[in-house]
Structure formats: C-alpha cells, structure tokens
C-alpha cells in the first residue's frame, strides 16, 4: 500500500467505506437520471390517476362496508384484511380506527397504499376459516394518509349516524374520546 493511501486511511477525513460510497453513487445517479427526464413526462404520470367507475361510485354511496388490505412495497396484498365501517367523504374512503390496529400500524410502517373492495359480503373471518367473498366486489387501489381534522371527524360521525343508526350509539363517544386522546386515528384512503 502506498504511503499516500495509508495516510488517507489513517486521517480523520477518510473516504467513505465501500457500501457508503455505493449508496452515494447510486443516489447521485438516480438524482441525475430524474433531472434528465422531461417535465412533461413527469406531469403525465401524475395526471394518469383515473376516476373511479360509476359502478364503484354508486356502491361507495350506499354500501355499509368496505374491505381494506394494506399493500406491501412490492404491490402485493398484506395478509391483513378486514371489513370496516366507512364514510365516502371528499372523494376518499374515511375510517376511524384504533392507533394500535393493523390499518394504523401498517401506515406507521410506511405502507401508505391499500386495496379497497366495496360492498357488504359479511365478515372476513368466519367461525371456521376465512371468507374470500369480498374479492368478487369492485375494488380500487388507494393512497392512505392520517388526518387530524376535527371537522372531518364530525362529518364522519354524522354520516355514521345515517348509515348505522342502530349500532352507532354504542360507539360514538368511544370514537370521539379516542380521537381526542390520540388512541384513535382518522385514515383517508384516496383512490390512486
């Protein structure tokens, strides 16, 4: 080893280790490649989100349940599925759930996409086994975001009273108190 290389290695200002250098070069290359793309192609991709079909919109307006499954980073479905009460508000499926429930935990782990099936096909978990009937329902992929909007919560609670009048009386105070304390969160699933 040359004296110059040995001195560089022993100094405080050493070159990055090989894995660090590879990450740096990869990130730099990606940034340069992105900068070389024409802006028009980037804009076209952002505008490609298609509106939901009329059949799905009609179901979102009247169905009592949606089925939700977080999507992994590779696009495959998580093994967590479940039917939930929801509201169709401002072009998004809105739910309130416990902070420690799988829908919220998935978002906390960076899984910010989900697949939504619309329609009431009964409980997913059965006494014996699981029902996959919901998979026949119309579906769409969505981008998930947490919301702290108290007005959105009020609108969701009003909608829940209309959709679930017999059951909701037992849940409203728990949902409101949980939202205020942070034990429950609002999640918005916007079609993507």
Foldseek 3Di string as FASTA:
>chain_A
DDPVQVVLVPDPNHDDDPVVVVVVVVVVVVVVVVVPDDVVVVVVVVPPQDDDDPVVVVLLVAAQWKKKFQADPVRHTDPDIWIFGFHCPPQWTKDKDFCPDPVNVCVVVVRQKMKMFGHPPDTQQDPPGGDPVSVVGDMAMFGKDWDLDVVVVVVTLVVCCVSPVVPCVVPPVVRVVCSVVVRMIMMITHGD
